[in-house]
């Protein structure tokens, strides 16, 4: 029996998306929107990598970043080698690169709205990690998060024939809480 990297990646993606939902739905979480954005994007990246692996017969090398080897004189050679990260592990493609591979190699169709939703989440994630979000994100992430889950579930069903109804894929609405103060 062959080990399926695609299946492992898919199961990990689902676990990460469930974690994003669980963090978001906690009653008092001061970093709720930022955490959701970080985790949801991680789930998307792993999901797209699962799709690439599925279409590329589970070849992990299809996810690696390559560069030219470095010669003794420090010039670039012609041989392509797997680029390593700070921990000396193989560096893998980014979320945006994974989406480009899927589209350019016609491995699947990523709707423009899905792409726009992911890019909007990336802006929140990048500010969360590299700076700080100065605006109130509650409403924006509620809307983006709901769209993210709808998109994720639709592509999950389309690409992997997986129905995730067994999980509670919903975000608790926060909007009604503002009315309690009046």
Foldseek 3Di string as FASTA:
>chain_A
DDDAPLVVLLVVLVVLLLVLQVLLQDPDHPCNLLSSLVSLQVSLQSNLVSLVCVVVVNDPVVFFDWDFDADPVRDGDDDIDFDADPVRHGHGDHSVVSVCCCVVVVSDDDDPVQVVLNVVSVVSNCCVVPNHDPDDCQVVSQVSQQVSLVSVQVCCCVRVVDHPPVDDSHHDRDVVVVVVVD
